[in-house]
Structures are given as structure tokens and as C-alpha cells.
Amino acid sequence: MCRSIKVLRERDVAADDDEIAAAALQYVRKISGYRAPSKANEEVFNAAVDEIALASKRLLTTLRYGARA
């Protein structure tokens, strides 16, 4: 995975929606191999970004800090 993806889980400061969306976009770009999708793939690309952002926000809001794996 790309090392430049920022860790969004911090104890003191919650990640905002823009940070989560940016991380989701970066992830979809990485796994799809596209920096920007063609018109034919734009809808599915953007839907993937939205789904990943939603799942990421859900994860970040439900993690219990202090718990270790």
C-alpha cells in the first residue's frame, strides 16, 4: 500500500469528512491504477470512493481507543 496515506485515527482529534474522502480517493486511485477515470468509468470510480469513505468513517467512529489487537 502507498506509504503516503495519512493515518486518520488519532485519540485527540477526529478525522473530518474531507480527510476521510481524500484518503478514500487515494485508496481507489491506488487499487484501480487510475489517477482520474475515463468518462466511461467515472460513475463507478466515484461510487467506490463514496463507499470506502462511508466505511472508513464508520470504522473511525466505532473504534475503541486503548484496545489492542
N, C-alpha and C. Protein backbone atom coordinates (compact mmCIF):
# COMPACT_ATOMS: atom_id res chain seq x y z
N MET A 1 0.85 -1.18 0.00
CA MET A 1 0.00 0.00 0.00
C MET A 1 0.88 1.23 0.00
N CYS A 2 0.37 2.27 -0.53
CA CYS A 2 1.09 3.53 -0.64
C CYS A 2 1.44 4.06 0.76
N ARG A 3 2.68 4.38 0.97
CA ARG A 3 3.11 4.85 2.28
C ARG A 3 2.67 6.27 2.58
N SER A 4 2.21 7.00 1.57
CA SER A 4 1.84 8.38 1.81
C SER A 4 0.41 8.55 2.32
N ILE A 5 -0.33 7.46 2.46
CA ILE A 5 -1.68 7.56 3.02
C ILE A 5 -1.55 7.91 4.50
N LYS A 6 -2.22 8.98 4.88
CA LYS A 6 -2.15 9.50 6.24
C LYS A 6 -2.98 8.65 7.20
N VAL A 7 -2.46 8.41 8.39
CA VAL A 7 -3.21 7.74 9.44
C VAL A 7 -4.27 8.71 9.94
N LEU A 8 -5.53 8.30 9.92
CA LEU A 8 -6.62 9.18 10.32
C LEU A 8 -7.09 8.93 11.75
N ARG A 9 -6.62 7.85 12.36
CA ARG A 9 -7.05 7.52 13.71
C ARG A 9 -6.14 8.20 14.72
N GLU A 10 -6.66 9.22 15.35
CA GLU A 10 -5.93 9.94 16.40
C GLU A 10 -6.81 9.97 17.64
N ARG A 11 -6.22 9.93 18.79
CA ARG A 11 -7.00 9.94 20.03
C ARG A 11 -7.66 11.29 20.30
N ASP A 12 -6.97 12.36 20.03
CA ASP A 12 -7.44 13.67 20.43
C ASP A 12 -8.27 14.39 19.37
N VAL A 13 -8.02 14.10 18.11
CA VAL A 13 -8.67 14.85 17.03
C VAL A 13 -9.33 13.87 16.06
N ALA A 14 -10.62 14.03 15.87
CA ALA A 14 -11.33 13.17 14.92
C ALA A 14 -11.03 13.62 13.49
N ALA A 15 -10.90 12.67 12.60
CA ALA A 15 -10.70 13.00 11.19
C ALA A 15 -11.97 13.63 10.66
N ASP A 16 -11.82 14.68 9.85
CA ASP A 16 -13.01 15.30 9.29
C ASP A 16 -13.38 14.62 7.98
N ASP A 17 -14.56 14.95 7.47
CA ASP A 17 -15.07 14.31 6.26
C ASP A 17 -14.15 14.52 5.06
N ASP A 18 -13.53 15.69 4.97
CA ASP A 18 -12.62 15.96 3.85
C ASP A 18 -11.39 15.06 3.89
N GLU A 19 -10.84 14.84 5.08
CA GLU A 19 -9.68 13.95 5.22
C GLU A 19 -10.05 12.52 4.88
N ILE A 20 -11.22 12.09 5.33
CA ILE A 20 -11.67 10.73 5.03
C ILE A 20 -11.90 10.56 3.53
N ALA A 21 -12.53 11.54 2.89
CA ALA A 21 -12.78 11.47 1.45
C ALA A 21 -11.47 11.46 0.67
N ALA A 22 -10.50 12.26 1.10
CA ALA A 22 -9.20 12.29 0.42
C ALA A 22 -8.48 10.95 0.53
N ALA A 23 -8.55 10.32 1.69
CA ALA A 23 -7.93 9.01 1.88
C ALA A 23 -8.63 7.96 1.02
N ALA A 24 -9.97 8.03 0.94
CA ALA A 24 -10.72 7.08 0.12
C ALA A 24 -10.36 7.25 -1.36
N LEU A 25 -10.25 8.49 -1.81
CA LEU A 25 -9.86 8.76 -3.19
C LEU A 25 -8.48 8.21 -3.48
N GLN A 26 -7.55 8.44 -2.57
CA GLN A 26 -6.18 7.95 -2.75
C GLN A 26 -6.16 6.42 -2.82
N TYR A 27 -6.96 5.77 -2.00
CA TYR A 27 -7.04 4.31 -1.99
C TYR A 27 -7.59 3.80 -3.32
N VAL A 28 -8.69 4.39 -3.80
CA VAL A 28 -9.28 3.95 -5.06
C VAL A 28 -8.32 4.19 -6.23
N ARG A 29 -7.63 5.31 -6.20
CA ARG A 29 -6.62 5.57 -7.24
C ARG A 29 -5.55 4.49 -7.23
N LYS A 30 -5.11 4.12 -6.05
CA LYS A 30 -4.04 3.13 -5.92
C LYS A 30 -4.49 1.76 -6.44
N ILE A 31 -5.66 1.30 -6.01
CA ILE A 31 -6.05 -0.06 -6.39
C ILE A 31 -6.57 -0.13 -7.82
N SER A 32 -7.11 0.98 -8.34
CA SER A 32 -7.63 0.96 -9.71
C SER A 32 -6.53 1.22 -10.74
N GLY A 33 -5.48 1.89 -10.31
CA GLY A 33 -4.42 2.25 -11.24
C GLY A 33 -4.71 3.50 -12.04
N TYR A 34 -5.80 4.19 -11.71
CA TYR A 34 -6.18 5.42 -12.40
C TYR A 34 -6.07 6.62 -11.48
N ARG A 35 -5.40 7.65 -11.96
CA ARG A 35 -5.40 8.92 -11.21
C ARG A 35 -6.74 9.60 -11.40
N ALA A 36 -7.24 9.55 -12.62
CA ALA A 36 -8.56 10.07 -12.96
C ALA A 36 -9.19 9.06 -13.92
N PRO A 37 -10.41 8.64 -13.66
CA PRO A 37 -11.04 7.65 -14.53
C PRO A 37 -11.52 8.25 -15.84
N SER A 38 -11.70 7.41 -16.83
CA SER A 38 -12.30 7.85 -18.09
C SER A 38 -13.78 8.16 -17.82
N LYS A 39 -14.41 8.84 -18.75
CA LYS A 39 -15.85 9.14 -18.61
C LYS A 39 -16.65 7.85 -18.43
N ALA A 40 -16.24 6.78 -19.12
CA ALA A 40 -16.95 5.51 -19.02
C ALA A 40 -16.86 4.90 -17.63
N ASN A 41 -15.79 5.19 -16.90
CA ASN A 41 -15.59 4.61 -15.57
C ASN A 41 -15.80 5.60 -14.42
N GLU A 42 -16.13 6.82 -14.74
CA GLU A 42 -16.24 7.86 -13.72
C GLU A 42 -17.29 7.55 -12.65
N GLU A 43 -18.45 7.08 -13.06
CA GLU A 43 -19.52 6.81 -12.10
C GLU A 43 -19.14 5.71 -11.11
N VAL A 44 -18.61 4.61 -11.61
CA VAL A 44 -18.24 3.50 -10.73
C VAL A 44 -17.03 3.87 -9.86
N PHE A 45 -16.11 4.65 -10.40
CA PHE A 45 -14.95 5.13 -9.64
C PHE A 45 -15.42 5.99 -8.46
N ASN A 46 -16.29 6.95 -8.75
CA ASN A 46 -16.79 7.85 -7.70
C ASN A 46 -17.64 7.11 -6.68
N ALA A 47 -18.41 6.12 -7.13
CA ALA A 47 -19.21 5.31 -6.21
C ALA A 47 -18.30 4.53 -5.26
N ALA A 48 -17.19 4.02 -5.77
CA ALA A 48 -16.24 3.31 -4.92
C ALA A 48 -15.63 4.24 -3.88
N VAL A 49 -15.28 5.44 -4.29
CA VAL A 49 -14.74 6.43 -3.34
C VAL A 49 -15.76 6.70 -2.24
N ASP A 50 -17.01 6.91 -2.61
CA ASP A 50 -18.06 7.18 -1.62
C ASP A 50 -18.27 6.02 -0.66
N GLU A 51 -18.29 4.80 -1.19
CA GLU A 51 -18.47 3.61 -0.35
C GLU A 51 -17.32 3.44 0.63
N ILE A 52 -16.10 3.64 0.15
CA ILE A 52 -14.93 3.48 1.02
C ILE A 52 -14.88 4.59 2.07
N ALA A 53 -15.25 5.80 1.69
CA ALA A 53 -15.30 6.90 2.66
C ALA A 53 -16.32 6.61 3.75
N LEU A 54 -17.48 6.10 3.38
CA LEU A 54 -18.52 5.77 4.35
C LEU A 54 -18.06 4.66 5.30
N ALA A 55 -17.47 3.62 4.74
CA ALA A 55 -16.98 2.52 5.57
C ALA A 55 -15.85 3.00 6.49
N SER A 56 -15.00 3.88 5.99
CA SER A 56 -13.89 4.41 6.78
C SER A 56 -14.41 5.27 7.93
N LYS A 57 -15.40 6.10 7.65
CA LYS A 57 -15.98 6.94 8.70
C LYS A 57 -16.63 6.07 9.77
N ARG A 58 -17.36 5.04 9.34
CA ARG A 58 -17.99 4.12 10.29
C ARG A 58 -16.93 3.44 11.17
N LEU A 59 -15.84 3.02 10.56
CA LEU A 59 -14.75 2.40 11.30
C LEU A 59 -14.16 3.37 12.32
N LEU A 60 -13.84 4.57 11.87
CA LEU A 60 -13.20 5.54 12.75
C LEU A 60 -14.09 5.99 13.90
N THR A 61 -15.39 6.01 13.68
CA THR A 61 -16.29 6.45 14.75
C THR A 61 -16.64 5.34 15.72
N THR A 62 -16.34 4.09 15.37
CA THR A 62 -16.69 2.99 16.27
C THR A 62 -15.48 2.30 16.90
N LEU A 63 -14.28 2.65 16.49
CA LEU A 63 -13.09 2.06 17.12
C LEU A 63 -13.03 2.45 18.59
N ARG A 64 -12.64 1.51 19.42
CA ARG A 64 -12.44 1.78 20.84
C ARG A 64 -10.96 2.03 21.05
N TYR A 65 -10.63 3.22 21.42
CA TYR A 65 -9.23 3.57 21.63
C TYR A 65 -8.73 2.93 22.90
N GLY A 66 -7.51 2.51 22.87
CA GLY A 66 -6.92 1.82 24.00
C GLY A 66 -6.96 0.32 23.83
N ALA A 67 -7.85 -0.19 22.98
CA ALA A 67 -7.92 -1.63 22.73
C ALA A 67 -6.79 -2.02 21.78
N ARG A 68 -6.13 -3.07 22.08
CA ARG A 68 -5.02 -3.57 21.25
C ARG A 68 -5.39 -4.92 20.66
N ALA A 69 -4.94 -5.12 19.44
CA ALA A 69 -5.20 -6.41 18.77
C ALA A 69 -4.25 -7.45 19.27
